[in-house]
Amino acid sequence: DLFESNCKRMAKLLSQTPGVAMRPHVKAHKCPDLAAIQLQISNENGVKCPGVCAQTMREAEVMVHGGVSDVLLTNQVVGEGKITRLVK
C-alpha cells in the first residue's frame, strides 16, 4: 500500500547515508499500529530507528499503551497533572 511504499522509500533514501538515524513523528497518524510499521520497515532496511516522536502527552500515551516502547516527547510538559502522568 502507499503508506508502506513511502516508508520503504524513506528508509532506502536514509540508508544511503551511513550513521543517519530517524525518529518518525506520529502527529499525522496518531496510530501505534502505523508507528510499528514505520519502525519495522526502517529497521529492516538498515536505518536505525529506535522510536517515534510525539507532540503531546496524549499522543505519547497512545503510543506507549499501543506497544511503542521508545517515545520522545517533543514539546514541553506544563501542569502538575501532565507531569504526574509523564512520570508514571
N, C-alpha and C. Protein backbone atom coordinates (compact mmCIF):
# COMPACT_ATOMS: atom_id res chain seq x y z
N ASP A 1 0.83 -1.18 0.00
CA ASP A 1 0.00 0.00 0.00
C ASP A 1 0.88 1.24 0.00
N LEU A 2 0.27 2.40 -0.17
CA LEU A 2 1.02 3.64 -0.34
C LEU A 2 1.82 4.01 0.91
N PHE A 3 1.24 3.81 2.09
CA PHE A 3 1.94 4.12 3.33
C PHE A 3 3.23 3.32 3.44
N GLU A 4 3.14 2.01 3.24
CA GLU A 4 4.32 1.15 3.33
C GLU A 4 5.33 1.49 2.24
N SER A 5 4.84 1.81 1.06
CA SER A 5 5.73 2.19 -0.04
C SER A 5 6.51 3.46 0.32
N ASN A 6 5.84 4.43 0.91
CA ASN A 6 6.51 5.66 1.33
C ASN A 6 7.53 5.40 2.44
N CYS A 7 7.19 4.51 3.37
CA CYS A 7 8.13 4.15 4.43
C CYS A 7 9.39 3.50 3.85
N LYS A 8 9.20 2.60 2.90
CA LYS A 8 10.34 1.93 2.26
C LYS A 8 11.18 2.92 1.47
N ARG A 9 10.51 3.84 0.81
CA ARG A 9 11.24 4.86 0.03
C ARG A 9 12.10 5.73 0.95
N MET A 10 11.54 6.14 2.07
CA MET A 10 12.29 6.96 3.03
C MET A 10 13.47 6.16 3.60
N ALA A 11 13.22 4.91 3.96
CA ALA A 11 14.29 4.08 4.51
C ALA A 11 15.41 3.88 3.49
N LYS A 12 15.04 3.66 2.24
CA LYS A 12 16.05 3.48 1.20
C LYS A 12 16.89 4.75 1.05
N LEU A 13 16.25 5.88 1.05
CA LEU A 13 16.96 7.15 0.93
C LEU A 13 17.91 7.36 2.11
N LEU A 14 17.42 7.13 3.32
CA LEU A 14 18.26 7.34 4.51
C LEU A 14 19.37 6.30 4.64
N SER A 15 19.14 5.10 4.13
CA SER A 15 20.15 4.05 4.24
C SER A 15 21.39 4.36 3.40
N GLN A 16 21.29 5.31 2.51
CA GLN A 16 22.42 5.69 1.65
C GLN A 16 23.41 6.60 2.38
N THR A 17 23.03 7.05 3.57
CA THR A 17 23.91 7.91 4.37
C THR A 17 24.24 7.20 5.67
N PRO A 18 25.42 6.60 5.75
CA PRO A 18 25.79 5.86 6.96
C PRO A 18 25.74 6.74 8.21
N GLY A 19 25.28 6.17 9.28
CA GLY A 19 25.25 6.88 10.55
C GLY A 19 23.99 7.71 10.78
N VAL A 20 23.16 7.82 9.76
CA VAL A 20 21.94 8.60 9.91
C VAL A 20 20.87 7.74 10.57
N ALA A 21 20.20 8.31 11.53
CA ALA A 21 19.09 7.64 12.19
C ALA A 21 17.85 8.50 12.01
N MET A 22 16.70 7.89 12.23
CA MET A 22 15.48 8.69 12.15
C MET A 22 14.52 8.30 13.26
N ARG A 23 13.65 9.22 13.55
CA ARG A 23 12.62 9.02 14.57
C ARG A 23 11.36 9.68 14.01
N PRO A 24 10.47 8.88 13.40
CA PRO A 24 9.29 9.46 12.77
C PRO A 24 8.35 10.13 13.77
N HIS A 25 7.69 11.16 13.30
CA HIS A 25 6.73 11.88 14.13
C HIS A 25 5.34 11.28 13.90
N VAL A 26 4.59 11.09 14.97
CA VAL A 26 3.27 10.46 14.86
C VAL A 26 2.14 11.48 14.81
N LYS A 27 2.48 12.74 14.68
CA LYS A 27 1.49 13.81 14.69
C LYS A 27 0.39 13.59 13.65
N ALA A 28 0.76 13.11 12.47
CA ALA A 28 -0.21 12.97 11.39
C ALA A 28 -1.15 11.79 11.58
N HIS A 29 -0.60 10.64 11.98
CA HIS A 29 -1.45 9.45 12.03
C HIS A 29 -1.92 9.06 13.43
N LYS A 30 -1.16 9.39 14.46
CA LYS A 30 -1.53 9.11 15.86
C LYS A 30 -1.96 7.66 16.09
N CYS A 31 -1.34 6.73 15.40
CA CYS A 31 -1.76 5.33 15.45
C CYS A 31 -0.57 4.43 15.76
N PRO A 32 -0.60 3.71 16.88
CA PRO A 32 0.51 2.84 17.24
C PRO A 32 0.79 1.75 16.20
N ASP A 33 -0.24 1.25 15.55
CA ASP A 33 -0.02 0.22 14.53
C ASP A 33 0.78 0.77 13.35
N LEU A 34 0.48 2.00 12.94
CA LEU A 34 1.24 2.61 11.85
C LEU A 34 2.66 2.95 12.31
N ALA A 35 2.80 3.38 13.55
CA ALA A 35 4.14 3.65 14.09
C ALA A 35 4.98 2.38 14.08
N ALA A 36 4.38 1.26 14.45
CA ALA A 36 5.09 -0.03 14.45
C ALA A 36 5.55 -0.39 13.05
N ILE A 37 4.72 -0.13 12.06
CA ILE A 37 5.10 -0.40 10.67
C ILE A 37 6.28 0.49 10.27
N GLN A 38 6.22 1.77 10.63
CA GLN A 38 7.32 2.68 10.32
C GLN A 38 8.63 2.18 10.94
N LEU A 39 8.57 1.78 12.19
CA LEU A 39 9.78 1.31 12.89
C LEU A 39 10.30 0.03 12.25
N GLN A 40 9.41 -0.90 11.98
CA GLN A 40 9.81 -2.18 11.41
C GLN A 40 10.45 -2.01 10.03
N ILE A 41 9.80 -1.27 9.15
CA ILE A 41 10.34 -1.08 7.81
C ILE A 41 11.68 -0.37 7.84
N SER A 42 11.80 0.64 8.67
CA SER A 42 13.07 1.38 8.77
C SER A 42 14.18 0.47 9.24
N ASN A 43 13.95 -0.24 10.33
CA ASN A 43 14.98 -1.11 10.89
C ASN A 43 15.32 -2.27 9.96
N GLU A 44 14.33 -2.81 9.25
CA GLU A 44 14.59 -3.90 8.30
C GLU A 44 15.41 -3.44 7.11
N ASN A 45 15.39 -2.14 6.83
CA ASN A 45 16.10 -1.61 5.67
C ASN A 45 17.39 -0.89 6.06
N GLY A 46 17.90 -1.22 7.24
CA GLY A 46 19.22 -0.72 7.64
C GLY A 46 19.25 0.69 8.18
N VAL A 47 18.10 1.24 8.55
CA VAL A 47 18.07 2.58 9.12
C VAL A 47 17.80 2.46 10.61
N LYS A 48 18.69 3.02 11.41
CA LYS A 48 18.49 2.99 12.86
C LYS A 48 17.28 3.85 13.18
N CYS A 49 16.29 3.23 13.77
CA CYS A 49 15.04 3.92 14.09
C CYS A 49 14.57 3.41 15.45
N PRO A 50 15.06 4.02 16.52
CA PRO A 50 14.78 3.49 17.86
C PRO A 50 13.35 3.70 18.35
N GLY A 51 12.68 4.72 17.85
CA GLY A 51 11.34 5.01 18.33
C GLY A 51 10.71 6.14 17.54
N VAL A 52 9.69 6.75 18.14
CA VAL A 52 8.94 7.80 17.46
C VAL A 52 8.94 9.08 18.29
N CYS A 53 8.52 10.17 17.67
CA CYS A 53 8.32 11.45 18.34
C CYS A 53 6.83 11.69 18.49
N ALA A 54 6.44 12.29 19.60
CA ALA A 54 5.06 12.69 19.83
C ALA A 54 5.06 14.14 20.30
N GLN A 55 4.07 14.88 19.87
CA GLN A 55 3.99 16.30 20.20
C GLN A 55 3.31 16.55 21.54
N THR A 56 2.33 15.73 21.87
CA THR A 56 1.55 15.97 23.08
C THR A 56 1.63 14.76 24.02
N MET A 57 1.28 15.01 25.27
CA MET A 57 1.23 13.92 26.24
C MET A 57 0.27 12.83 25.78
N ARG A 58 -0.88 13.24 25.27
CA ARG A 58 -1.89 12.27 24.84
C ARG A 58 -1.36 11.39 23.71
N GLU A 59 -0.68 12.00 22.74
CA GLU A 59 -0.09 11.20 21.65
C GLU A 59 0.93 10.21 22.21
N ALA A 60 1.75 10.67 23.14
CA ALA A 60 2.76 9.79 23.73
C ALA A 60 2.10 8.65 24.49
N GLU A 61 1.06 8.95 25.24
CA GLU A 61 0.34 7.91 25.99
C GLU A 61 -0.27 6.87 25.05
N VAL A 62 -0.86 7.33 23.95
CA VAL A 62 -1.46 6.41 22.98
C VAL A 62 -0.40 5.48 22.42
N MET A 63 0.78 6.02 22.10
CA MET A 63 1.86 5.20 21.55
C MET A 63 2.32 4.15 22.57
N VAL A 64 2.55 4.58 23.81
CA VAL A 64 3.03 3.67 24.84
C VAL A 64 2.00 2.58 25.12
N HIS A 65 0.75 2.97 25.26
CA HIS A 65 -0.31 1.98 25.52
C HIS A 65 -0.50 1.06 24.33
N GLY A 66 -0.11 1.52 23.14
CA GLY A 66 -0.23 0.71 21.94
C GLY A 66 0.98 -0.16 21.66
N GLY A 67 1.98 -0.12 22.56
CA GLY A 67 3.12 -1.01 22.42
C GLY A 67 4.41 -0.39 21.90
N VAL A 68 4.41 0.90 21.62
CA VAL A 68 5.64 1.57 21.18
C VAL A 68 6.43 1.92 22.44
N SER A 69 7.59 1.32 22.60
CA SER A 69 8.32 1.45 23.86
C SER A 69 9.23 2.66 23.94
N ASP A 70 9.58 3.27 22.81
CA ASP A 70 10.51 4.39 22.81
C ASP A 70 9.81 5.59 22.17
N VAL A 71 9.38 6.53 23.02
CA VAL A 71 8.66 7.71 22.56
C VAL A 71 9.36 8.95 23.09
N LEU A 72 9.74 9.84 22.18
CA LEU A 72 10.34 11.11 22.56
C LEU A 72 9.26 12.18 22.52
N LEU A 73 9.00 12.81 23.65
CA LEU A 73 8.02 13.88 23.73
C LEU A 73 8.72 15.17 23.30
N THR A 74 8.26 15.79 22.21
CA THR A 74 8.98 16.90 21.59
C THR A 74 8.45 18.27 21.98
N ASN A 75 7.68 18.33 23.04
CA ASN A 75 7.13 19.59 23.49
C ASN A 75 7.24 19.65 25.01
N GLN A 76 7.17 20.85 25.54
CA GLN A 76 7.24 20.99 26.98
C GLN A 76 5.99 20.42 27.64
N VAL A 77 6.17 19.97 28.85
CA VAL A 77 5.05 19.44 29.64
C VAL A 77 4.75 20.47 30.72
N VAL A 78 3.53 21.01 30.69
CA VAL A 78 3.16 22.08 31.61
C VAL A 78 1.95 21.62 32.43
N GLY A 79 2.04 21.82 33.72
CA GLY A 79 0.92 21.49 34.61
C GLY A 79 1.21 20.26 35.44
N GLU A 80 0.79 20.33 36.68
CA GLU A 80 1.06 19.25 37.62
C GLU A 80 0.46 17.92 37.16
N GLY A 81 -0.76 17.95 36.64
CA GLY A 81 -1.41 16.73 36.19
C GLY A 81 -0.66 16.04 35.06
N LYS A 82 -0.18 16.82 34.10
CA LYS A 82 0.56 16.23 32.99
C LYS A 82 1.92 15.72 33.44
N ILE A 83 2.56 16.42 34.32
CA ILE A 83 3.85 15.97 34.83
C ILE A 83 3.68 14.66 35.60
N THR A 84 2.63 14.56 36.38
CA THR A 84 2.34 13.31 37.10
C THR A 84 2.13 12.17 36.12
N ARG A 85 1.35 12.41 35.06
CA ARG A 85 1.13 11.38 34.05
C ARG A 85 2.44 10.99 33.38
N LEU A 86 3.30 11.95 33.14
CA LEU A 86 4.57 11.69 32.44
C LEU A 86 5.46 10.76 33.25
N VAL A 87 5.55 10.95 34.54
CA VAL A 87 6.47 10.17 35.34
C VAL A 87 5.96 8.77 35.66
N LYS A 88 4.69 8.50 35.38
CA LYS A 88 4.14 7.17 35.60
C LYS A 88 4.61 6.32 34.50
